[in-house]
């Protein structure tokens, strides 16, 4: 009878380890691995995204990195806040979301991200110490959870 208990315990442990292994999620790959960790992003190029209407094509050149896509959303919530979302079929449906905020002193601040839900990396738009904008590479798999 002790042998039966041992066999049952071993069988249960084997089934649990098999079930746990089979539910491991495959890791996402990096899409932007061949691109620099920092991409210069001129303000003139950022402002182009806000000059086109929803459904229009837009071509943005970020220091040697071309982002061509269609404006899928252009929302102006307030007089001081405008958000544009551009989807690029050429970059495997990568999404570029940029917001333009007009501050009380009439200066303009841009924020945004370039992400693809199928990959583990992307870019975040940041203003640098010298006032220029640049896209900095980020790991989006730490930010976006799949359900």
N, C-alpha and C. Protein backbone atom coordinates (compact mmCIF):
# COMPACT_ATOMS: atom_id res chain seq x y z
N UNK A 1 0.82 -1.19 0.00
CA UNK A 1 0.00 0.00 0.00
C UNK A 1 0.87 1.26 0.00
N UNK A 2 2.02 1.26 0.68
CA UNK A 2 2.91 2.41 0.70
C UNK A 2 3.43 2.72 -0.71
N UNK A 3 3.61 1.68 -1.51
CA UNK A 3 4.09 1.87 -2.87
C UNK A 3 3.04 2.62 -3.69
N UNK A 4 1.78 2.32 -3.47
CA UNK A 4 0.69 3.00 -4.20
C UNK A 4 0.66 4.49 -3.86
N UNK A 5 0.87 4.83 -2.59
CA UNK A 5 0.91 6.24 -2.20
C UNK A 5 2.08 6.97 -2.87
N UNK A 6 3.22 6.31 -2.90
CA UNK A 6 4.40 6.91 -3.53
C UNK A 6 4.17 7.11 -5.02
N UNK A 7 3.60 6.13 -5.69
CA UNK A 7 3.31 6.24 -7.12
C UNK A 7 2.28 7.35 -7.38
N UNK A 8 1.28 7.44 -6.54
CA UNK A 8 0.26 8.49 -6.70
C UNK A 8 0.89 9.87 -6.50
N UNK A 9 1.76 10.01 -5.50
CA UNK A 9 2.42 11.29 -5.23
C UNK A 9 3.32 11.68 -6.40
N UNK A 10 4.06 10.74 -6.93
CA UNK A 10 4.94 11.02 -8.06
C UNK A 10 4.11 11.42 -9.28
N UNK A 11 2.99 10.73 -9.51
CA UNK A 11 2.12 11.04 -10.65
C UNK A 11 1.55 12.45 -10.53
N UNK A 12 1.11 12.82 -9.35
CA UNK A 12 0.57 14.16 -9.13
C UNK A 12 1.65 15.21 -9.36
N UNK A 13 2.85 15.00 -8.86
CA UNK A 13 3.95 15.95 -9.06
C UNK A 13 4.29 16.09 -10.54
N UNK A 14 4.28 14.99 -11.26
CA UNK A 14 4.59 15.04 -12.69
C UNK A 14 3.51 15.81 -13.45
N UNK A 15 2.26 15.60 -13.10
CA UNK A 15 1.17 16.32 -13.78
C UNK A 15 1.23 17.81 -13.47
N UNK A 16 1.53 18.17 -12.22
CA UNK A 16 1.62 19.58 -11.85
C UNK A 16 2.77 20.26 -12.58
N UNK A 17 3.91 19.61 -12.66
CA UNK A 17 5.05 20.22 -13.34
C UNK A 17 4.78 20.33 -14.83
N UNK A 18 4.09 19.39 -15.43
CA UNK A 18 3.75 19.45 -16.85
C UNK A 18 2.76 20.58 -17.11
N UNK A 19 1.76 20.73 -16.27
CA UNK A 19 0.76 21.79 -16.44
C UNK A 19 1.41 23.16 -16.26
N UNK A 20 2.28 23.29 -15.29
CA UNK A 20 2.96 24.56 -15.07
C UNK A 20 3.86 24.93 -16.22
N UNK A 21 4.53 23.98 -16.82
CA UNK A 21 5.42 24.23 -17.95
C UNK A 21 4.61 24.60 -19.19
N UNK A 22 3.49 23.97 -19.40
CA UNK A 22 2.71 24.21 -20.61
C UNK A 22 2.05 25.58 -20.61
N UNK A 23 1.92 26.23 -19.46
CA UNK A 23 1.26 27.52 -19.39
C UNK A 23 2.24 28.69 -19.42
N UNK A 24 3.51 28.41 -19.61
CA UNK A 24 4.49 29.50 -19.68
C UNK A 24 4.28 30.29 -20.97
N UNK A 25 4.15 31.60 -20.83
CA UNK A 25 3.92 32.46 -21.99
C UNK A 25 5.22 32.66 -22.76
N UNK A 26 5.16 32.59 -24.08
CA UNK A 26 6.37 32.83 -24.86
C UNK A 26 6.76 34.30 -24.76
N UNK A 27 8.05 34.56 -24.73
CA UNK A 27 8.53 35.94 -24.62
C UNK A 27 8.36 36.69 -25.93
N UNK A 28 8.15 37.98 -25.83
CA UNK A 28 8.03 38.82 -27.01
C UNK A 28 9.43 39.20 -27.49
N UNK A 29 9.53 39.42 -28.77
CA UNK A 29 10.81 39.82 -29.36
C UNK A 29 10.88 41.34 -29.46
N UNK A 30 12.09 41.84 -29.60
CA UNK A 30 12.29 43.27 -29.81
C UNK A 30 12.17 43.58 -31.29
N UNK A 31 11.35 44.54 -31.64
CA UNK A 31 11.15 44.94 -33.03
C UNK A 31 12.20 45.97 -33.45
N UNK A 32 12.55 46.87 -32.56
CA UNK A 32 13.44 47.98 -32.89
C UNK A 32 14.90 47.70 -32.53
N UNK A 33 15.30 46.44 -32.50
CA UNK A 33 16.66 46.07 -32.10
C UNK A 33 17.71 46.65 -33.05
N UNK A 34 17.36 46.85 -34.32
CA UNK A 34 18.33 47.35 -35.30
C UNK A 34 18.45 48.87 -35.31
N UNK A 35 17.60 49.54 -34.54
CA UNK A 35 17.62 51.00 -34.49
C UNK A 35 18.35 51.48 -33.24
N UNK A 36 18.77 52.72 -33.29
CA UNK A 36 19.51 53.33 -32.19
C UNK A 36 18.65 53.42 -30.93
N UNK A 37 19.31 53.50 -29.79
CA UNK A 37 18.57 53.63 -28.53
C UNK A 37 18.02 55.05 -28.35
N UNK A 38 18.50 55.97 -29.18
CA UNK A 38 18.04 57.36 -29.14
C UNK A 38 17.89 57.88 -30.56
N UNK A 39 16.71 58.40 -30.89
CA UNK A 39 16.45 58.92 -32.23
C UNK A 39 16.10 60.40 -32.10
N UNK A 40 16.90 61.23 -32.77
CA UNK A 40 16.65 62.67 -32.77
C UNK A 40 15.29 62.95 -33.39
N UNK A 41 14.49 63.79 -32.75
CA UNK A 41 13.11 64.05 -33.18
C UNK A 41 12.87 65.56 -33.27
N UNK A 42 13.05 66.15 -34.45
CA UNK A 42 12.87 67.60 -34.58
C UNK A 42 11.42 68.03 -34.33
N UNK A 43 11.26 69.18 -33.70
CA UNK A 43 9.92 69.71 -33.42
C UNK A 43 9.12 69.94 -34.70
N UNK A 44 9.80 70.30 -35.79
CA UNK A 44 9.11 70.53 -37.05
C UNK A 44 8.41 69.26 -37.53
N UNK A 45 9.06 68.11 -37.32
CA UNK A 45 8.46 66.84 -37.73
C UNK A 45 7.29 66.48 -36.82
N UNK A 46 7.42 66.76 -35.54
CA UNK A 46 6.32 66.49 -34.60
C UNK A 46 5.10 67.33 -34.96
N UNK A 47 5.32 68.59 -35.31
CA UNK A 47 4.20 69.47 -35.62
C UNK A 47 3.48 69.05 -36.90
N UNK A 48 4.16 68.34 -37.81
CA UNK A 48 3.52 67.85 -39.04
C UNK A 48 2.34 66.93 -38.73
N UNK A 49 2.47 66.14 -37.68
CA UNK A 49 1.42 65.18 -37.32
C UNK A 49 0.13 65.90 -36.95
N UNK A 50 0.23 67.11 -36.46
CA UNK A 50 -0.95 67.87 -36.03
C UNK A 50 -1.54 68.70 -37.16
N UNK A 51 -0.84 68.76 -38.29
CA UNK A 51 -1.30 69.57 -39.41
C UNK A 51 -2.20 68.78 -40.37
N UNK A 52 -2.29 67.46 -40.20
CA UNK A 52 -3.12 66.65 -41.10
C UNK A 52 -4.38 66.20 -40.38
N UNK A 53 -5.39 65.86 -41.18
CA UNK A 53 -6.67 65.44 -40.61
C UNK A 53 -6.72 63.94 -40.43
N UNK A 54 -7.67 63.50 -39.65
CA UNK A 54 -7.87 62.09 -39.38
C UNK A 54 -8.15 61.36 -40.70
N UNK A 55 -7.47 60.22 -40.90
CA UNK A 55 -7.62 59.44 -42.13
C UNK A 55 -6.59 59.77 -43.19
N UNK A 56 -5.82 60.84 -42.99
CA UNK A 56 -4.80 61.26 -43.95
C UNK A 56 -3.48 60.54 -43.71
N UNK A 57 -2.68 60.48 -44.76
CA UNK A 57 -1.33 59.91 -44.63
C UNK A 57 -0.39 61.00 -44.15
N UNK A 58 0.61 60.57 -43.36
CA UNK A 58 1.62 61.50 -42.88
C UNK A 58 2.98 60.81 -42.93
N UNK A 59 4.01 61.58 -43.30
CA UNK A 59 5.38 61.08 -43.36
C UNK A 59 6.22 61.90 -42.40
N UNK A 60 6.76 61.23 -41.40
CA UNK A 60 7.59 61.89 -40.40
C UNK A 60 9.00 61.34 -40.48
N UNK A 61 9.99 62.23 -40.54
CA UNK A 61 11.38 61.81 -40.62
C UNK A 61 12.09 62.20 -39.33
N UNK A 62 12.41 61.21 -38.54
CA UNK A 62 13.07 61.44 -37.26
C UNK A 62 14.54 61.07 -37.37
N UNK A 63 15.34 61.97 -37.86
CA UNK A 63 16.78 61.77 -37.92
C UNK A 63 17.20 60.46 -38.58
N UNK A 64 16.73 60.19 -39.77
CA UNK A 64 17.09 58.97 -40.47
C UNK A 64 16.11 57.83 -40.27
N UNK A 65 15.19 57.99 -39.34
CA UNK A 65 14.16 56.98 -39.10
C UNK A 65 12.85 57.52 -39.66
N UNK A 66 12.33 56.86 -40.68
CA UNK A 66 11.09 57.33 -41.31
C UNK A 66 9.89 56.62 -40.70
N UNK A 67 8.89 57.39 -40.32
CA UNK A 67 7.64 56.84 -39.81
C UNK A 67 6.53 57.32 -40.74
N UNK A 68 6.06 56.40 -41.59
CA UNK A 68 4.99 56.70 -42.53
C UNK A 68 3.74 55.97 -42.08
N UNK A 69 2.64 56.69 -42.00
CA UNK A 69 1.42 56.03 -41.55
C UNK A 69 0.19 56.86 -41.82
N UNK A 70 -0.92 56.37 -41.28
CA UNK A 70 -2.21 57.02 -41.44
C UNK A 70 -2.67 57.51 -40.07
N UNK A 71 -3.15 58.74 -40.03
CA UNK A 71 -3.65 59.31 -38.78
C UNK A 71 -4.99 58.62 -38.47
N UNK A 72 -4.99 57.81 -37.43
CA UNK A 72 -6.22 57.08 -37.06
C UNK A 72 -7.07 57.85 -36.07
N UNK A 73 -6.45 58.81 -35.38
CA UNK A 73 -7.20 59.60 -34.41
C UNK A 73 -6.54 60.96 -34.24
N UNK A 74 -7.35 62.00 -34.21
CA UNK A 74 -6.87 63.35 -33.96
C UNK A 74 -7.90 64.03 -33.08
N UNK A 75 -7.56 64.16 -31.82
CA UNK A 75 -8.51 64.67 -30.83
C UNK A 75 -7.96 65.93 -30.17
N UNK A 76 -8.78 66.97 -30.20
CA UNK A 76 -8.42 68.21 -29.51
C UNK A 76 -9.40 68.37 -28.35
N UNK A 77 -8.98 67.90 -27.19
CA UNK A 77 -9.85 67.92 -26.01
C UNK A 77 -10.11 69.33 -25.51
N UNK A 78 -9.05 70.10 -25.43
CA UNK A 78 -9.13 71.48 -24.96
C UNK A 78 -8.35 72.36 -25.93
N UNK A 79 -8.42 73.64 -25.77
CA UNK A 79 -7.62 74.52 -26.61
C UNK A 79 -6.13 74.29 -26.40
N UNK A 80 -5.77 73.75 -25.24
CA UNK A 80 -4.36 73.59 -24.91
C UNK A 80 -3.86 72.14 -25.04
N UNK A 81 -4.70 71.21 -25.47
CA UNK A 81 -4.28 69.81 -25.56
C UNK A 81 -4.81 69.16 -26.83
N UNK A 82 -3.89 68.64 -27.63
CA UNK A 82 -4.23 67.99 -28.90
C UNK A 82 -3.43 66.68 -28.98
N UNK A 83 -4.12 65.57 -29.26
CA UNK A 83 -3.48 64.26 -29.34
C UNK A 83 -3.73 63.65 -30.71
N UNK A 84 -2.67 63.08 -31.28
CA UNK A 84 -2.73 62.44 -32.59
C UNK A 84 -2.17 61.03 -32.47
N UNK A 85 -2.86 60.07 -33.12
CA UNK A 85 -2.39 58.70 -33.17
C UNK A 85 -2.20 58.32 -34.63
N UNK A 86 -0.98 57.84 -34.94
CA UNK A 86 -0.63 57.45 -36.31
C UNK A 86 -0.27 55.98 -36.30
N UNK A 87 -0.83 55.23 -37.25
CA UNK A 87 -0.56 53.79 -37.35
C UNK A 87 0.21 53.53 -38.63
N UNK A 88 1.34 52.82 -38.52
CA UNK A 88 2.19 52.55 -39.67
C UNK A 88 2.13 51.07 -40.06
N UNK A 89 1.56 50.80 -41.23
CA UNK A 89 1.53 49.44 -41.74
C UNK A 89 2.93 48.98 -42.13
N UNK A 90 3.79 49.91 -42.54
CA UNK A 90 5.15 49.58 -42.93
C UNK A 90 5.99 49.08 -41.75
N UNK A 91 5.62 49.46 -40.55
CA UNK A 91 6.33 49.03 -39.34
C UNK A 91 5.49 48.03 -38.54
N UNK A 92 4.82 47.13 -39.25
CA UNK A 92 4.03 46.06 -38.63
C UNK A 92 2.96 46.62 -37.68
N UNK A 93 2.26 47.65 -38.14
CA UNK A 93 1.17 48.29 -37.40
C UNK A 93 1.61 48.92 -36.08
N UNK A 94 2.81 49.47 -36.09
CA UNK A 94 3.31 50.22 -34.93
C UNK A 94 2.51 51.51 -34.80
N UNK A 95 2.23 51.89 -33.57
CA UNK A 95 1.43 53.08 -33.29
C UNK A 95 2.32 54.17 -32.69
N UNK A 96 2.17 55.36 -33.22
CA UNK A 96 2.84 56.54 -32.69
C UNK A 96 1.77 57.45 -32.11
N UNK A 97 1.82 57.67 -30.83
CA UNK A 97 0.87 58.56 -30.15
C UNK A 97 1.63 59.78 -29.64
N UNK A 98 1.20 60.96 -30.10
CA UNK A 98 1.86 62.21 -29.71
C UNK A 98 0.80 63.17 -29.19
N UNK A 99 1.12 63.82 -28.08
CA UNK A 99 0.25 64.87 -27.54
C UNK A 99 1.02 66.17 -27.52
N UNK A 100 0.31 67.24 -27.89
CA UNK A 100 0.88 68.60 -27.87
C UNK A 100 0.12 69.41 -26.85
N UNK A 101 0.87 69.93 -25.88
CA UNK A 101 0.26 70.76 -24.84
C UNK A 101 0.78 72.18 -24.99
N UNK A 102 -0.16 73.12 -25.04
CA UNK A 102 0.22 74.53 -25.07
C UNK A 102 0.16 75.04 -23.65
N UNK A 103 1.30 75.43 -23.14
CA UNK A 103 1.41 75.87 -21.75
C UNK A 103 0.86 77.28 -21.58
N UNK A 104 0.71 77.72 -20.34
CA UNK A 104 0.15 79.05 -20.05
C UNK A 104 1.03 80.17 -20.60
N UNK A 105 2.33 79.92 -20.75
CA UNK A 105 3.22 80.93 -21.32
C UNK A 105 3.32 80.82 -22.85
N UNK A 106 2.41 80.04 -23.46
CA UNK A 106 2.30 79.83 -24.91
C UNK A 106 3.42 78.98 -25.49
N UNK A 107 4.27 78.39 -24.65
CA UNK A 107 5.27 77.44 -25.14
C UNK A 107 4.58 76.09 -25.39
N UNK A 108 5.19 75.28 -26.23
CA UNK A 108 4.60 74.00 -26.59
C UNK A 108 5.46 72.86 -26.05
N UNK A 109 4.78 71.88 -25.47
CA UNK A 109 5.44 70.68 -24.95
C UNK A 109 4.83 69.46 -25.64
N UNK A 110 5.71 68.57 -26.13
CA UNK A 110 5.26 67.34 -26.76
C UNK A 110 5.60 66.15 -25.87
N UNK A 111 4.70 65.19 -25.81
CA UNK A 111 4.95 63.91 -25.15
C UNK A 111 4.41 62.82 -26.06
N UNK A 112 4.97 61.63 -25.95
CA UNK A 112 4.45 60.56 -26.80
C UNK A 112 5.22 59.27 -26.68
N UNK A 113 4.67 58.26 -27.37
CA UNK A 113 5.28 56.93 -27.39
C UNK A 113 5.07 56.30 -28.75
N UNK A 114 6.01 55.46 -29.12
CA UNK A 114 5.90 54.63 -30.30
C UNK A 114 5.93 53.19 -29.81
N UNK A 115 4.80 52.48 -29.97
CA UNK A 115 4.71 51.13 -29.43
C UNK A 115 4.05 50.19 -30.43
N UNK A 116 4.32 48.92 -30.23
CA UNK A 116 3.66 47.86 -30.98
C UNK A 116 3.33 46.78 -29.96
N UNK A 117 2.08 46.46 -29.81
CA UNK A 117 1.63 45.53 -28.79
C UNK A 117 2.19 44.12 -28.97
N UNK A 118 2.68 43.81 -30.17
CA UNK A 118 3.21 42.47 -30.44
C UNK A 118 4.69 42.32 -30.12
N UNK A 119 5.34 43.40 -29.73
CA UNK A 119 6.77 43.37 -29.49
C UNK A 119 7.10 43.95 -28.11
N UNK A 120 8.31 43.67 -27.66
CA UNK A 120 8.70 44.01 -26.29
C UNK A 120 9.37 45.37 -26.15
N UNK A 121 9.62 46.06 -27.26
CA UNK A 121 10.30 47.34 -27.15
C UNK A 121 9.53 48.43 -27.87
N UNK A 122 9.95 49.66 -27.66
CA UNK A 122 9.32 50.81 -28.28
C UNK A 122 10.15 52.04 -27.97
N UNK A 123 9.55 53.20 -28.17
CA UNK A 123 10.24 54.46 -27.90
C UNK A 123 9.34 55.40 -27.12
N UNK A 124 9.97 56.23 -26.30
CA UNK A 124 9.25 57.27 -25.56
C UNK A 124 9.86 58.62 -25.92
N UNK A 125 9.01 59.57 -26.25
CA UNK A 125 9.45 60.91 -26.61
C UNK A 125 9.75 61.70 -25.34
N UNK A 126 10.96 62.27 -25.31
CA UNK A 126 11.37 63.06 -24.15
C UNK A 126 12.05 64.34 -24.61
N UNK A 127 11.86 65.39 -23.82
CA UNK A 127 12.62 66.63 -24.05
C UNK A 127 13.92 66.51 -23.27
N UNK A 128 15.01 66.78 -23.97
CA UNK A 128 16.32 66.67 -23.34
C UNK A 128 16.71 67.98 -22.68
N UNK A 129 17.83 67.96 -21.98
CA UNK A 129 18.29 69.14 -21.24
C UNK A 129 18.51 70.36 -22.13
N UNK A 130 18.91 70.12 -23.39
CA UNK A 130 19.16 71.24 -24.30
C UNK A 130 17.88 71.76 -24.96
N UNK A 131 16.72 71.18 -24.62
CA UNK A 131 15.44 71.63 -25.16
C UNK A 131 14.98 70.87 -26.39
N UNK A 132 15.87 70.08 -27.00
CA UNK A 132 15.51 69.30 -28.18
C UNK A 132 14.77 68.04 -27.76
N UNK A 133 14.01 67.47 -28.69
CA UNK A 133 13.26 66.24 -28.42
C UNK A 133 13.99 65.05 -29.04
N UNK A 134 13.84 63.90 -28.36
CA UNK A 134 14.41 62.66 -28.88
C UNK A 134 13.55 61.49 -28.40
N UNK A 135 13.50 60.45 -29.23
CA UNK A 135 12.83 59.21 -28.86
C UNK A 135 13.88 58.33 -28.18
N UNK A 136 13.55 57.87 -26.98
CA UNK A 136 14.45 57.00 -26.22
C UNK A 136 13.82 55.61 -26.14
N UNK A 137 14.64 54.59 -26.40
CA UNK A 137 14.14 53.23 -26.43
C UNK A 137 13.69 52.79 -25.03
N UNK A 138 12.55 52.10 -24.99
CA UNK A 138 12.01 51.57 -23.74
C UNK A 138 11.60 50.12 -23.94
N UNK A 139 11.46 49.40 -22.86
CA UNK A 139 10.95 48.03 -22.90
C UNK A 139 9.47 48.08 -22.56
N UNK A 140 8.62 47.94 -23.55
CA UNK A 140 7.18 48.06 -23.34
C UNK A 140 6.56 46.84 -22.72
N UNK A 141 7.25 45.70 -22.77
CA UNK A 141 6.67 44.50 -22.17
C UNK A 141 6.55 44.65 -20.66
N UNK A 142 7.30 45.57 -20.07
CA UNK A 142 7.18 45.85 -18.65
C UNK A 142 6.02 46.81 -18.37
N UNK A 143 5.56 47.54 -19.42
CA UNK A 143 4.48 48.50 -19.26
C UNK A 143 3.12 47.96 -19.66
N UNK A 144 3.10 47.07 -20.68
CA UNK A 144 1.84 46.57 -21.22
C UNK A 144 1.66 45.12 -20.82
N UNK A 145 0.56 44.84 -20.16
CA UNK A 145 0.25 43.48 -19.77
C UNK A 145 -0.79 42.90 -20.70
N UNK A 146 -0.56 41.65 -21.13
CA UNK A 146 -1.55 40.96 -21.95
C UNK A 146 -2.50 40.22 -21.04
N UNK A 147 -3.76 40.26 -21.35
CA UNK A 147 -4.76 39.57 -20.55
C UNK A 147 -5.33 38.40 -21.31
